N, C-alpha and C. Protein backbone atom coordinates (compact mmCIF):
# COMPACT_ATOMS: atom_id res chain seq x y z
N UNK A 1 115.42 54.02 73.80
CA UNK A 1 115.16 52.72 74.32
C UNK A 1 113.68 52.20 74.16
N UNK A 2 113.48 51.06 73.69
CA UNK A 2 112.17 50.47 73.70
C UNK A 2 111.31 50.56 74.96
N UNK A 3 110.12 50.56 75.10
CA UNK A 3 109.34 50.59 76.39
C UNK A 3 109.62 49.20 77.01
N UNK A 4 109.88 49.30 78.37
CA UNK A 4 110.02 47.93 79.01
C UNK A 4 111.34 47.55 79.15
N UNK A 5 112.28 48.36 78.55
CA UNK A 5 113.60 47.73 78.48
C UNK A 5 114.21 47.77 79.88
N UNK A 6 114.15 48.96 80.61
CA UNK A 6 114.84 49.16 81.91
C UNK A 6 114.19 48.33 83.00
N UNK A 7 112.79 48.08 83.04
CA UNK A 7 112.32 46.92 83.98
C UNK A 7 113.01 45.58 83.65
N UNK A 8 113.06 45.30 82.42
CA UNK A 8 113.66 44.08 82.07
C UNK A 8 115.14 43.98 82.51
N UNK A 9 115.78 45.08 82.43
CA UNK A 9 117.20 44.98 82.92
C UNK A 9 117.30 44.85 84.42
N UNK A 10 116.40 45.41 85.16
CA UNK A 10 116.30 45.36 86.74
C UNK A 10 115.95 43.87 87.16
N UNK A 11 114.90 43.25 86.28
CA UNK A 11 114.55 41.95 86.43
C UNK A 11 115.73 40.94 86.12
N UNK A 12 116.49 41.16 85.08
CA UNK A 12 117.73 40.33 84.73
C UNK A 12 118.74 40.45 85.99
N UNK A 13 118.99 41.49 86.50
CA UNK A 13 119.92 41.76 87.65
C UNK A 13 119.43 40.91 88.83
N UNK A 14 118.12 41.05 89.09
CA UNK A 14 117.51 40.21 90.16
C UNK A 14 117.70 38.87 89.89
N UNK A 15 117.45 38.34 88.69
CA UNK A 15 117.70 36.79 88.45
C UNK A 15 119.20 36.48 88.63
N UNK A 16 120.04 37.32 88.31
CA UNK A 16 121.40 36.96 88.58
C UNK A 16 121.89 36.86 89.90
N UNK A 17 121.37 37.80 90.69
CA UNK A 17 121.62 37.75 92.17
C UNK A 17 121.18 36.64 92.76
N UNK A 18 119.76 36.18 92.47
CA UNK A 18 119.08 35.16 93.02
C UNK A 18 119.70 33.81 92.73
N UNK A 19 119.96 33.50 91.31
CA UNK A 19 120.49 32.29 91.01
C UNK A 19 121.84 32.14 91.40
N UNK A 20 122.75 33.23 91.34
CA UNK A 20 124.10 33.05 91.79
C UNK A 20 124.15 32.90 93.35
N UNK A 21 123.40 33.49 93.94
CA UNK A 21 123.22 33.44 95.48
C UNK A 21 122.88 31.94 95.75
N UNK A 22 121.82 31.58 95.14
CA UNK A 22 121.39 30.03 95.34
C UNK A 22 122.38 29.03 95.19
N UNK A 23 123.19 29.23 94.07
CA UNK A 23 124.29 28.16 93.51
C UNK A 23 125.45 28.27 94.55
N UNK A 24 125.75 29.59 94.90
CA UNK A 24 126.89 29.75 95.93
C UNK A 24 126.51 29.33 97.28
N UNK A 25 125.23 29.25 97.72
CA UNK A 25 124.78 28.76 99.01
C UNK A 25 125.10 27.23 99.23
N UNK A 26 125.02 26.74 98.24
CA UNK A 26 125.22 24.98 98.30
C UNK A 26 126.55 24.61 97.91
N UNK A 27 127.52 25.54 97.59
CA UNK A 27 128.85 25.26 97.33
C UNK A 27 129.81 25.94 98.40
N UNK A 28 130.89 25.42 98.64
CA UNK A 28 131.70 26.05 99.58
C UNK A 28 132.39 27.36 99.17
N UNK A 29 132.29 28.41 99.98
CA UNK A 29 133.08 29.58 99.92
C UNK A 29 132.72 30.43 98.76
N UNK A 30 133.08 31.75 98.86
CA UNK A 30 133.20 32.57 97.62
C UNK A 30 131.58 33.02 97.40
N UNK A 31 130.69 33.17 98.47
CA UNK A 31 129.41 33.64 98.13
C UNK A 31 129.37 34.93 97.38
N UNK A 32 130.01 35.98 98.11
CA UNK A 32 129.81 37.33 97.73
C UNK A 32 130.55 37.48 96.32
N UNK A 33 131.75 36.87 96.06
CA UNK A 33 132.45 36.93 94.82
C UNK A 33 131.53 36.32 93.67
N UNK A 34 130.79 35.32 93.95
CA UNK A 34 129.98 34.66 92.89
C UNK A 34 128.92 35.51 92.52
N UNK A 35 128.17 36.17 93.44
CA UNK A 35 127.09 37.04 93.24
C UNK A 35 127.61 38.34 92.41
N UNK A 36 128.74 38.89 92.93
CA UNK A 36 129.35 40.08 92.36
C UNK A 36 129.56 39.66 90.82
N UNK A 37 130.12 38.53 90.46
CA UNK A 37 130.65 38.05 89.31
C UNK A 37 129.31 37.93 88.41
N UNK A 38 128.38 37.36 88.90
CA UNK A 38 127.10 37.14 88.00
C UNK A 38 126.57 38.60 87.67
N UNK A 39 126.60 39.47 88.69
CA UNK A 39 126.11 40.98 88.39
C UNK A 39 126.79 41.62 87.30
N UNK A 40 128.18 41.50 87.53
CA UNK A 40 128.99 42.14 86.43
C UNK A 40 128.91 41.62 85.04
N UNK A 41 128.83 40.22 85.05
CA UNK A 41 128.64 39.66 83.68
C UNK A 41 127.34 40.03 83.04
N UNK A 42 126.25 40.11 84.07
CA UNK A 42 124.88 40.45 83.38
C UNK A 42 124.96 42.04 82.92
N UNK A 43 125.77 42.79 83.77
CA UNK A 43 125.88 44.11 83.17
C UNK A 43 126.56 44.23 81.86
N UNK A 44 127.54 43.37 81.64
CA UNK A 44 128.26 43.43 80.31
C UNK A 44 127.16 42.92 79.27
N UNK A 45 126.45 41.94 79.53
CA UNK A 45 125.48 41.53 78.62
C UNK A 45 124.30 42.76 78.27
N UNK A 46 123.97 43.45 79.33
CA UNK A 46 123.13 44.48 79.13
C UNK A 46 123.73 45.56 78.32
N UNK A 47 125.01 45.91 78.59
CA UNK A 47 125.76 46.84 77.65
C UNK A 47 125.74 46.42 76.39
N UNK A 48 125.95 45.21 76.05
CA UNK A 48 126.08 44.86 74.61
C UNK A 48 124.72 44.84 73.92
N UNK A 49 123.65 44.58 74.76
CA UNK A 49 122.28 44.67 74.18
C UNK A 49 121.98 46.05 73.87
N UNK A 50 122.18 46.95 74.76
CA UNK A 50 121.97 48.33 74.63
C UNK A 50 122.54 48.96 73.36
N UNK A 51 123.78 48.48 73.12
CA UNK A 51 124.55 48.94 71.94
C UNK A 51 123.97 48.60 70.53
N UNK A 52 122.99 47.51 70.52
CA UNK A 52 122.40 47.10 69.47
C UNK A 52 120.87 47.57 69.39
N UNK A 53 120.47 48.36 70.24
CA UNK A 53 119.02 48.80 70.35
C UNK A 53 118.57 49.71 69.03
N UNK A 54 119.65 50.37 68.58
CA UNK A 54 119.35 51.07 67.45
C UNK A 54 118.84 50.34 66.23
N UNK A 55 119.04 49.03 66.17
CA UNK A 55 118.53 48.22 65.23
C UNK A 55 117.19 47.55 65.59
N UNK A 56 116.76 47.74 66.79
CA UNK A 56 115.49 46.94 67.24
C UNK A 56 114.38 47.47 66.64
N UNK A 57 113.36 46.79 66.07
CA UNK A 57 112.51 47.38 65.12
C UNK A 57 111.10 47.67 65.86
N UNK A 58 110.91 47.39 67.02
CA UNK A 58 109.72 47.41 67.85
C UNK A 58 109.60 48.52 68.75
N UNK A 59 108.42 49.15 69.15
CA UNK A 59 108.48 50.07 70.22
C UNK A 59 108.61 49.72 71.57
N UNK A 60 108.33 48.34 71.76
CA UNK A 60 108.40 47.88 73.20
C UNK A 60 109.36 46.56 73.21
N UNK A 61 110.08 46.32 74.13
CA UNK A 61 110.97 45.25 74.36
C UNK A 61 110.31 43.97 74.30
N UNK A 62 109.22 43.78 74.90
CA UNK A 62 108.47 42.61 74.95
C UNK A 62 108.84 41.53 75.98
N UNK A 63 107.86 40.71 76.39
CA UNK A 63 108.15 39.76 77.36
C UNK A 63 109.16 38.65 76.63
N UNK A 64 109.03 38.54 75.42
CA UNK A 64 109.95 37.48 74.73
C UNK A 64 111.34 37.75 75.09
N UNK A 65 111.66 38.97 74.81
CA UNK A 65 113.07 39.55 75.13
C UNK A 65 113.56 39.50 76.55
N UNK A 66 112.52 39.84 77.34
CA UNK A 66 112.77 39.78 78.84
C UNK A 66 113.07 38.29 79.26
N UNK A 67 112.41 37.25 78.59
CA UNK A 67 112.77 35.84 78.94
C UNK A 67 114.21 35.52 78.56
N UNK A 68 114.49 36.03 77.24
CA UNK A 68 115.89 35.68 76.88
C UNK A 68 116.84 36.37 77.69
N UNK A 69 116.63 37.68 78.27
CA UNK A 69 117.63 38.32 79.00
C UNK A 69 117.65 37.58 80.39
N UNK A 70 116.59 37.08 80.96
CA UNK A 70 116.73 36.38 82.13
C UNK A 70 117.55 35.03 81.96
N UNK A 71 117.31 34.49 80.72
CA UNK A 71 118.25 33.23 80.43
C UNK A 71 119.58 33.60 80.49
N UNK A 72 120.04 34.86 79.87
CA UNK A 72 121.18 35.20 79.87
C UNK A 72 121.90 35.60 81.24
N UNK A 73 120.88 36.15 82.11
CA UNK A 73 121.40 36.15 83.56
C UNK A 73 121.59 34.96 84.17
N UNK A 74 120.94 33.89 83.80
CA UNK A 74 121.20 32.57 84.42
C UNK A 74 122.60 32.12 83.99
N UNK A 75 122.91 32.22 82.75
CA UNK A 75 124.19 31.95 82.29
C UNK A 75 125.30 32.67 82.91
N UNK A 76 125.25 33.88 83.16
CA UNK A 76 126.14 34.60 83.91
C UNK A 76 126.28 34.04 85.24
N UNK A 77 125.12 33.71 86.00
CA UNK A 77 125.25 33.10 87.29
C UNK A 77 126.17 31.80 87.22
N UNK A 78 125.91 30.85 86.18
CA UNK A 78 126.39 29.67 86.16
C UNK A 78 128.00 29.92 85.79
N UNK A 79 128.38 30.98 85.02
CA UNK A 79 129.75 31.13 84.79
C UNK A 79 130.52 31.58 86.10
N UNK A 80 129.67 32.44 86.92
CA UNK A 80 130.47 33.04 88.02
C UNK A 80 130.64 31.97 89.00
N UNK A 81 130.22 30.70 89.07
CA UNK A 81 130.52 29.66 89.86
C UNK A 81 131.34 28.60 89.25
N UNK A 82 131.81 28.74 87.93
CA UNK A 82 132.65 27.74 87.29
C UNK A 82 134.00 27.41 88.12
N UNK A 83 134.54 28.56 88.54
CA UNK A 83 135.75 28.54 89.38
C UNK A 83 135.68 27.61 90.63
N UNK A 84 134.38 27.33 91.13
CA UNK A 84 134.14 26.48 92.20
C UNK A 84 134.60 25.02 91.99
N UNK A 85 134.65 24.63 90.74
CA UNK A 85 135.15 23.32 90.61
C UNK A 85 134.35 22.32 89.72
N UNK A 86 133.24 22.10 89.79
CA UNK A 86 132.67 20.98 88.93
C UNK A 86 131.05 21.18 88.88
N UNK A 87 130.60 20.22 88.06
CA UNK A 87 129.14 20.19 87.96
C UNK A 87 128.56 19.67 89.04
N UNK A 88 127.12 19.68 88.99
CA UNK A 88 126.25 19.17 90.19
C UNK A 88 124.87 19.43 89.85
N UNK A 89 124.02 18.86 90.74
CA UNK A 89 122.40 18.88 90.52
C UNK A 89 122.08 20.43 90.54
N UNK A 90 122.77 21.34 91.22
CA UNK A 90 122.38 22.68 91.22
C UNK A 90 122.53 23.35 89.82
N UNK A 91 123.54 23.00 89.25
CA UNK A 91 123.95 23.58 87.95
C UNK A 91 122.86 22.87 86.86
N UNK A 92 122.61 21.52 87.09
CA UNK A 92 121.72 20.90 86.26
C UNK A 92 120.30 21.60 86.25
N UNK A 93 119.91 21.95 87.50
CA UNK A 93 118.55 22.43 87.70
C UNK A 93 118.42 23.86 86.96
N UNK A 94 119.57 24.73 87.18
CA UNK A 94 119.47 26.20 86.54
C UNK A 94 119.46 25.92 84.94
N UNK A 95 120.38 25.14 84.41
CA UNK A 95 120.50 24.82 82.98
C UNK A 95 119.14 24.40 82.44
N UNK A 96 118.62 23.36 83.27
CA UNK A 96 117.19 22.87 82.63
C UNK A 96 116.12 24.03 82.49
N UNK A 97 116.06 24.91 83.53
CA UNK A 97 115.04 25.96 83.48
C UNK A 97 115.37 26.86 82.11
N UNK A 98 116.80 27.06 82.01
CA UNK A 98 117.26 28.03 80.88
C UNK A 98 116.84 27.14 79.67
N UNK A 99 117.00 26.01 79.54
CA UNK A 99 116.54 25.22 78.36
C UNK A 99 115.24 25.13 78.02
N UNK A 100 114.31 25.00 79.22
CA UNK A 100 112.95 25.04 78.89
C UNK A 100 112.50 26.53 78.44
N UNK A 101 113.12 27.50 79.07
CA UNK A 101 112.74 28.84 78.66
C UNK A 101 113.15 29.25 77.18
N UNK A 102 114.17 28.50 76.54
CA UNK A 102 114.53 28.68 75.20
C UNK A 102 113.24 28.42 74.18
N UNK A 103 112.51 27.58 74.62
CA UNK A 103 111.20 27.31 73.80
C UNK A 103 110.07 28.34 74.10
N UNK A 104 110.30 29.07 75.17
CA UNK A 104 109.13 30.00 75.60
C UNK A 104 109.33 31.28 75.04
N UNK A 105 110.59 31.86 74.80
CA UNK A 105 110.79 33.13 74.37
C UNK A 105 110.31 33.30 72.70
N UNK A 106 110.71 32.01 72.16
CA UNK A 106 110.33 32.25 70.71
C UNK A 106 108.84 32.15 70.52
N UNK A 107 108.21 31.42 71.34
CA UNK A 107 106.65 31.26 71.23
C UNK A 107 106.00 32.68 71.61
N UNK A 108 106.63 33.35 72.64
CA UNK A 108 106.20 34.49 72.95
C UNK A 108 106.35 35.69 71.81
N UNK A 109 107.51 35.55 71.26
CA UNK A 109 107.77 36.55 70.23
C UNK A 109 106.78 36.35 69.24
N UNK A 110 106.41 35.17 68.63
CA UNK A 110 105.52 35.04 67.55
C UNK A 110 104.13 35.23 67.99
N UNK A 111 103.80 35.05 69.20
CA UNK A 111 102.43 35.25 69.69
C UNK A 111 102.13 36.72 69.76
N UNK A 112 103.15 37.45 70.13
CA UNK A 112 102.99 38.83 70.34
C UNK A 112 103.39 39.82 69.21
N UNK A 113 103.87 39.09 68.12
CA UNK A 113 104.18 39.93 66.74
C UNK A 113 105.47 40.70 66.99
N UNK A 114 106.35 40.20 67.95
CA UNK A 114 107.63 40.88 68.34
C UNK A 114 108.79 40.23 67.80
N UNK A 115 108.59 39.31 66.82
CA UNK A 115 109.73 38.54 66.24
C UNK A 115 110.73 39.59 65.61
N UNK A 116 111.93 39.16 65.72
CA UNK A 116 112.90 40.23 65.06
C UNK A 116 114.30 39.53 64.93
N UNK A 117 115.17 39.94 63.97
CA UNK A 117 116.41 39.43 63.72
C UNK A 117 117.17 39.64 65.09
N UNK A 118 117.10 40.68 65.70
CA UNK A 118 117.63 41.06 66.98
C UNK A 118 117.40 39.92 68.06
N UNK A 119 116.11 39.54 68.11
CA UNK A 119 115.61 38.60 69.17
C UNK A 119 116.15 37.15 68.69
N UNK A 120 116.12 36.78 67.56
CA UNK A 120 116.74 35.68 67.03
C UNK A 120 118.03 35.49 67.47
N UNK A 121 118.88 36.53 67.13
CA UNK A 121 120.21 36.65 67.33
C UNK A 121 120.71 36.51 68.92
N UNK A 122 119.82 37.27 69.50
CA UNK A 122 120.09 37.38 71.05
C UNK A 122 119.82 35.84 71.55
N UNK A 123 118.79 35.10 71.01
CA UNK A 123 118.54 33.91 71.58
C UNK A 123 119.58 32.85 71.18
N UNK A 124 120.02 33.08 70.06
CA UNK A 124 121.11 32.12 69.50
C UNK A 124 122.45 32.28 70.30
N UNK A 125 122.78 33.59 70.59
CA UNK A 125 124.00 33.84 71.15
C UNK A 125 123.88 33.34 72.76
N UNK A 126 122.70 33.45 73.36
CA UNK A 126 122.58 32.99 74.78
C UNK A 126 122.59 31.54 74.84
N UNK A 127 122.07 30.79 73.80
CA UNK A 127 122.32 29.30 73.67
C UNK A 127 123.67 28.91 73.70
N UNK A 128 124.43 29.82 72.88
CA UNK A 128 125.88 29.35 72.62
C UNK A 128 126.67 29.58 73.83
N UNK A 129 126.26 30.73 74.62
CA UNK A 129 127.05 31.04 75.88
C UNK A 129 126.75 29.85 76.82
N UNK A 130 125.55 29.39 76.91
CA UNK A 130 124.99 28.52 77.87
C UNK A 130 125.83 27.11 77.62
N UNK A 131 125.87 26.86 76.29
CA UNK A 131 126.69 25.51 75.91
C UNK A 131 128.26 25.73 76.48
N UNK A 132 128.79 26.86 76.15
CA UNK A 132 130.16 27.17 76.56
C UNK A 132 130.31 26.92 78.08
N UNK A 133 129.49 27.51 78.79
CA UNK A 133 129.57 27.48 80.33
C UNK A 133 129.44 26.10 80.83
N UNK A 134 128.39 25.47 80.27
CA UNK A 134 128.19 24.21 80.73
C UNK A 134 129.21 23.23 80.47
N UNK A 135 129.92 23.41 79.28
CA UNK A 135 131.03 22.38 78.84
C UNK A 135 132.18 22.71 79.77
N UNK A 136 132.34 24.11 80.28
CA UNK A 136 133.35 24.25 81.14
C UNK A 136 133.25 23.58 82.45
N UNK A 137 131.94 23.66 82.89
CA UNK A 137 131.59 22.92 84.15
C UNK A 137 131.80 21.48 84.12
N UNK A 138 131.52 20.80 82.96
CA UNK A 138 131.87 19.35 82.80
C UNK A 138 133.29 19.02 82.66
N UNK A 139 133.93 19.89 81.78
CA UNK A 139 135.58 19.66 81.86
C UNK A 139 136.19 19.81 83.12
N UNK A 140 135.87 20.84 83.89
CA UNK A 140 136.62 20.95 85.12
C UNK A 140 136.19 19.82 85.99
N UNK A 141 135.06 19.27 86.06
CA UNK A 141 134.61 18.20 86.80
C UNK A 141 135.42 16.94 86.55
N UNK A 142 136.00 16.83 85.35
CA UNK A 142 136.85 15.61 84.95
C UNK A 142 136.17 14.40 84.53
N UNK A 143 134.82 14.62 84.31
CA UNK A 143 134.06 13.29 83.99
C UNK A 143 134.30 12.83 82.59
N UNK A 144 134.81 13.77 81.59
CA UNK A 144 135.05 13.49 80.40
C UNK A 144 136.44 14.14 79.93
N UNK A 145 136.85 13.80 78.73
CA UNK A 145 137.97 14.53 78.19
C UNK A 145 137.70 15.82 77.51
N UNK A 146 138.74 16.41 76.95
CA UNK A 146 138.60 17.65 76.36
C UNK A 146 137.46 17.81 75.22
N UNK A 147 137.08 16.62 74.77
CA UNK A 147 136.04 16.52 73.61
C UNK A 147 134.76 17.37 74.00
N UNK A 148 134.64 17.27 75.17
CA UNK A 148 133.38 18.10 75.74
C UNK A 148 133.49 19.69 75.39
N UNK A 149 134.51 20.17 75.30
CA UNK A 149 134.67 21.47 75.09
C UNK A 149 134.31 21.80 73.68
N UNK A 150 134.35 20.95 72.69
CA UNK A 150 133.84 21.02 71.37
C UNK A 150 132.39 21.50 71.44
N UNK A 151 131.70 20.95 72.31
CA UNK A 151 130.22 21.36 72.47
C UNK A 151 130.08 22.83 72.85
N UNK A 152 131.17 23.43 73.51
CA UNK A 152 130.97 24.85 73.84
C UNK A 152 131.77 25.88 72.84
N UNK A 153 132.74 25.37 72.12
CA UNK A 153 133.40 26.22 71.22
C UNK A 153 133.35 26.28 69.95
N UNK A 154 132.43 25.24 69.40
CA UNK A 154 132.23 25.10 67.88
C UNK A 154 131.58 26.31 67.22
N UNK A 155 130.53 26.84 67.94
CA UNK A 155 129.86 28.02 67.48
C UNK A 155 130.83 29.27 67.28
N UNK A 156 131.68 29.33 68.14
CA UNK A 156 132.67 30.53 68.24
C UNK A 156 133.80 30.22 67.24
N UNK A 157 134.30 29.11 67.04
CA UNK A 157 135.05 28.67 65.94
C UNK A 157 134.55 29.02 64.61
N UNK A 158 133.28 28.68 64.52
CA UNK A 158 132.63 28.91 63.18
C UNK A 158 132.46 30.47 62.89
N UNK A 159 132.14 31.34 63.88
CA UNK A 159 132.26 32.80 63.69
C UNK A 159 133.66 33.36 63.44
N UNK A 160 134.67 32.72 64.07
CA UNK A 160 136.02 33.21 63.84
C UNK A 160 136.42 32.91 62.41
N UNK A 161 135.82 31.83 61.85
CA UNK A 161 136.14 31.43 60.56
C UNK A 161 135.53 32.53 59.34
N UNK A 162 134.63 33.33 59.83
CA UNK A 162 134.22 34.34 58.99
C UNK A 162 135.35 35.25 58.39
N UNK A 163 136.36 35.48 59.12
CA UNK A 163 137.39 36.51 58.77
C UNK A 163 138.16 35.88 57.49
N UNK A 164 138.63 34.70 57.75
CA UNK A 164 139.28 34.12 56.42
C UNK A 164 138.48 33.68 55.38
N UNK A 165 137.25 33.41 55.76
CA UNK A 165 136.23 32.86 54.66
C UNK A 165 135.00 33.62 54.85
N UNK A 166 134.89 34.82 54.21
CA UNK A 166 133.78 35.59 54.44
C UNK A 166 132.44 35.19 53.82
N UNK A 167 132.42 34.16 53.09
CA UNK A 167 131.31 33.58 52.57
C UNK A 167 130.54 32.79 53.74
N UNK A 168 131.34 32.41 54.70
CA UNK A 168 130.70 31.56 55.72
C UNK A 168 129.53 32.54 56.48
N UNK A 169 129.69 33.86 56.44
CA UNK A 169 128.77 34.78 57.17
C UNK A 169 127.51 34.97 56.32
N UNK A 170 127.21 34.35 55.30
CA UNK A 170 126.01 34.63 54.63
C UNK A 170 124.77 33.95 55.33
N UNK A 171 123.69 34.49 55.23
CA UNK A 171 122.50 34.06 55.79
C UNK A 171 122.23 32.49 55.60
N UNK A 172 121.82 31.70 56.52
CA UNK A 172 121.52 30.40 56.21
C UNK A 172 120.01 30.19 56.25
N UNK A 173 119.49 29.18 55.47
CA UNK A 173 118.13 28.89 55.36
C UNK A 173 117.61 28.32 56.79
N UNK A 174 116.39 28.62 57.22
CA UNK A 174 115.96 27.94 58.45
C UNK A 174 115.79 26.52 58.36
N UNK A 175 116.30 25.80 59.27
CA UNK A 175 116.31 24.40 59.11
C UNK A 175 115.86 23.71 60.53
N UNK A 176 114.90 22.96 60.54
CA UNK A 176 114.48 22.32 61.82
C UNK A 176 115.49 21.40 62.46
N UNK A 177 116.35 20.75 61.66
CA UNK A 177 117.32 19.87 62.14
C UNK A 177 118.35 20.66 62.90
N UNK A 178 118.62 21.89 62.48
CA UNK A 178 119.61 22.70 63.30
C UNK A 178 119.16 22.95 64.78
N UNK A 179 117.78 23.21 64.78
CA UNK A 179 117.20 23.45 66.19
C UNK A 179 117.19 22.20 66.90
N UNK A 180 116.96 21.06 66.26
CA UNK A 180 117.02 19.64 67.00
C UNK A 180 118.43 19.42 67.53
N UNK A 181 119.32 19.69 66.79
CA UNK A 181 120.88 19.46 67.22
C UNK A 181 121.10 20.36 68.37
N UNK A 182 120.76 21.57 68.27
CA UNK A 182 120.97 22.60 69.49
C UNK A 182 120.35 22.05 70.65
N UNK A 183 119.21 21.56 70.67
CA UNK A 183 118.53 20.94 71.85
C UNK A 183 119.36 19.74 72.41
N UNK A 184 119.84 18.90 71.39
CA UNK A 184 120.59 17.69 71.86
C UNK A 184 121.87 18.13 72.40
N UNK A 185 122.45 19.15 71.95
CA UNK A 185 123.65 19.59 72.44
C UNK A 185 123.58 20.16 73.96
N UNK A 186 122.41 21.01 74.17
CA UNK A 186 122.28 21.51 75.51
C UNK A 186 121.89 20.42 76.28
N UNK A 187 121.03 19.54 75.93
CA UNK A 187 120.49 18.55 76.79
C UNK A 187 121.65 17.50 77.08
N UNK A 188 122.40 17.16 76.30
CA UNK A 188 123.74 16.49 76.65
C UNK A 188 124.52 16.97 77.66
N UNK A 189 124.86 18.25 77.50
CA UNK A 189 125.54 19.05 78.62
C UNK A 189 124.96 19.05 79.83
N UNK A 190 123.56 19.17 79.95
CA UNK A 190 122.85 19.12 81.15
C UNK A 190 122.83 17.81 81.75
N UNK A 191 122.80 16.66 80.95
CA UNK A 191 122.92 15.27 81.50
C UNK A 191 124.39 15.14 82.04
N UNK A 192 125.21 15.80 81.53
CA UNK A 192 126.69 15.52 81.95
C UNK A 192 126.90 16.28 83.26
N UNK A 193 125.95 17.07 83.80
CA UNK A 193 126.08 17.76 85.08
C UNK A 193 125.63 16.71 86.19
N UNK A 194 125.20 15.54 85.88
CA UNK A 194 124.73 14.59 86.88
C UNK A 194 126.01 14.12 87.69
N UNK A 195 126.10 14.38 88.94
CA UNK A 195 127.43 13.94 89.71
C UNK A 195 127.48 12.31 89.79
N UNK A 196 128.75 11.93 89.62
CA UNK A 196 129.19 10.63 89.64
C UNK A 196 128.48 9.69 88.47
N UNK A 197 128.20 10.28 87.34
CA UNK A 197 127.92 9.62 86.18
C UNK A 197 129.02 8.58 85.66
N UNK A 198 128.57 7.47 85.29
CA UNK A 198 129.45 6.45 84.95
C UNK A 198 130.46 7.05 83.79
N UNK A 199 131.76 7.00 83.93
CA UNK A 199 132.76 7.68 82.86
C UNK A 199 132.39 7.22 81.43
N UNK A 200 132.19 5.91 81.26
CA UNK A 200 131.88 5.46 79.96
C UNK A 200 130.64 6.04 79.39
N UNK A 201 129.62 6.19 80.21
CA UNK A 201 128.38 6.74 79.69
C UNK A 201 128.54 8.25 79.46
N UNK A 202 129.34 8.93 80.26
CA UNK A 202 129.51 10.32 80.05
C UNK A 202 130.29 10.66 78.69
N UNK A 203 131.39 9.77 78.50
CA UNK A 203 132.11 10.03 77.19
C UNK A 203 131.27 9.72 75.98
N UNK A 204 130.26 8.68 76.24
CA UNK A 204 129.48 8.31 75.03
C UNK A 204 128.45 9.36 74.81
N UNK A 205 127.94 10.00 75.77
CA UNK A 205 126.93 11.20 75.64
C UNK A 205 127.76 12.36 75.08
N UNK A 206 128.89 12.60 75.45
CA UNK A 206 129.68 13.66 74.94
C UNK A 206 129.99 13.55 73.55
N UNK A 207 130.53 12.42 73.11
CA UNK A 207 130.89 12.14 71.74
C UNK A 207 129.64 12.03 70.79
N UNK A 208 128.47 11.42 71.29
CA UNK A 208 127.22 11.51 70.53
C UNK A 208 126.85 12.88 70.21
N UNK A 209 126.85 13.76 71.26
CA UNK A 209 126.35 15.20 70.95
C UNK A 209 127.49 15.91 70.04
N UNK A 210 128.69 15.66 70.23
CA UNK A 210 129.71 16.29 69.31
C UNK A 210 129.53 15.83 67.89
N UNK A 211 129.28 14.37 67.79
CA UNK A 211 129.00 13.97 66.33
C UNK A 211 127.76 14.64 65.69
N UNK A 212 126.63 15.06 66.44
CA UNK A 212 125.54 15.55 66.04
C UNK A 212 125.95 17.13 65.65
N UNK A 213 126.60 17.61 66.33
CA UNK A 213 126.95 19.05 66.20
C UNK A 213 127.85 19.24 64.91
N UNK A 214 128.77 18.19 64.64
CA UNK A 214 129.65 18.27 63.51
C UNK A 214 128.88 18.12 62.26
N UNK A 215 127.86 17.13 62.39
CA UNK A 215 127.02 16.91 61.18
C UNK A 215 126.26 18.37 60.81
N UNK A 216 125.80 18.85 61.87
CA UNK A 216 124.96 20.08 61.59
C UNK A 216 125.65 21.14 61.05
N UNK A 217 126.93 21.43 61.71
CA UNK A 217 127.81 22.56 61.12
C UNK A 217 128.40 22.20 59.63
N UNK A 218 128.60 20.83 59.60
CA UNK A 218 129.20 20.35 58.37
C UNK A 218 128.06 20.60 57.27
N UNK A 219 126.88 20.31 57.29
CA UNK A 219 125.87 20.52 56.44
C UNK A 219 125.71 21.93 56.08
N UNK A 220 125.71 22.81 57.32
CA UNK A 220 125.58 24.26 56.94
C UNK A 220 126.81 24.79 56.16
N UNK A 221 127.90 24.42 56.50
CA UNK A 221 129.27 24.79 55.80
C UNK A 221 129.15 24.42 54.34
N UNK A 222 128.71 23.19 54.02
CA UNK A 222 128.50 22.63 52.80
C UNK A 222 127.53 23.53 51.78
N UNK A 223 126.42 24.00 52.40
CA UNK A 223 125.42 24.65 51.79
C UNK A 223 126.03 26.02 51.48
N UNK A 224 126.67 26.62 52.57
CA UNK A 224 127.34 27.96 52.24
C UNK A 224 128.42 27.99 51.23
N UNK A 225 129.05 26.95 51.02
CA UNK A 225 130.18 26.80 50.01
C UNK A 225 129.46 26.70 48.74
N UNK A 226 128.43 25.81 48.67
CA UNK A 226 127.82 25.66 47.21
C UNK A 226 127.08 26.97 46.95
N UNK A 227 126.65 27.73 47.72
CA UNK A 227 125.98 28.97 47.47
C UNK A 227 126.71 30.19 47.57
N UNK A 228 128.07 30.08 47.85
CA UNK A 228 129.04 31.37 47.80
C UNK A 228 128.91 32.25 46.71
N UNK A 229 129.04 33.55 46.86
CA UNK A 229 129.06 34.46 45.82
C UNK A 229 130.13 34.49 44.97
């Protein structure tokens, strides 16, 4: 294991407990189950990460990956309270912190010379999980229709398409527009956590973000098709 991995794991469990406890404290019932769920989910994330450590190219884990792991723990805490019913200011606050930290981990990686394919993939999958969980909160809250779920499942549908269409798994060129759309996607899902948002506004925000995401994935699929082996 790279140096600093186990302290990072301890910090992630701490984040999961604190965030899940805070969320559950302002929601009715199920405090212990919410915290337990967040801890179990964080443990699953840690197990997945540890399984990929053989490909980690650096001697130390780095603060950049610690931040991403903390973001993953926040996602686990948000998932643990989905069953409580709906979006709210508490979910919005946690998701906003996770979005802000999304810009911090990449900056730290570049500054410390610890950039890696592992870190980039870890960051991307954390973003995808955050979008899925936030979409679940919005859908269960009933503020929009099922279209909001597209903001959470499109990444996973794309990955599932690798099996019948292996050429989709080829590396993509780095594009700033893809990063912008990711921010739009998460920002829209955060906005949709606002309680009592006007339904027409909520639907417009959801469909606007869906349109941007379809454009981004469509552009990437078209590039992959044109450059398939």
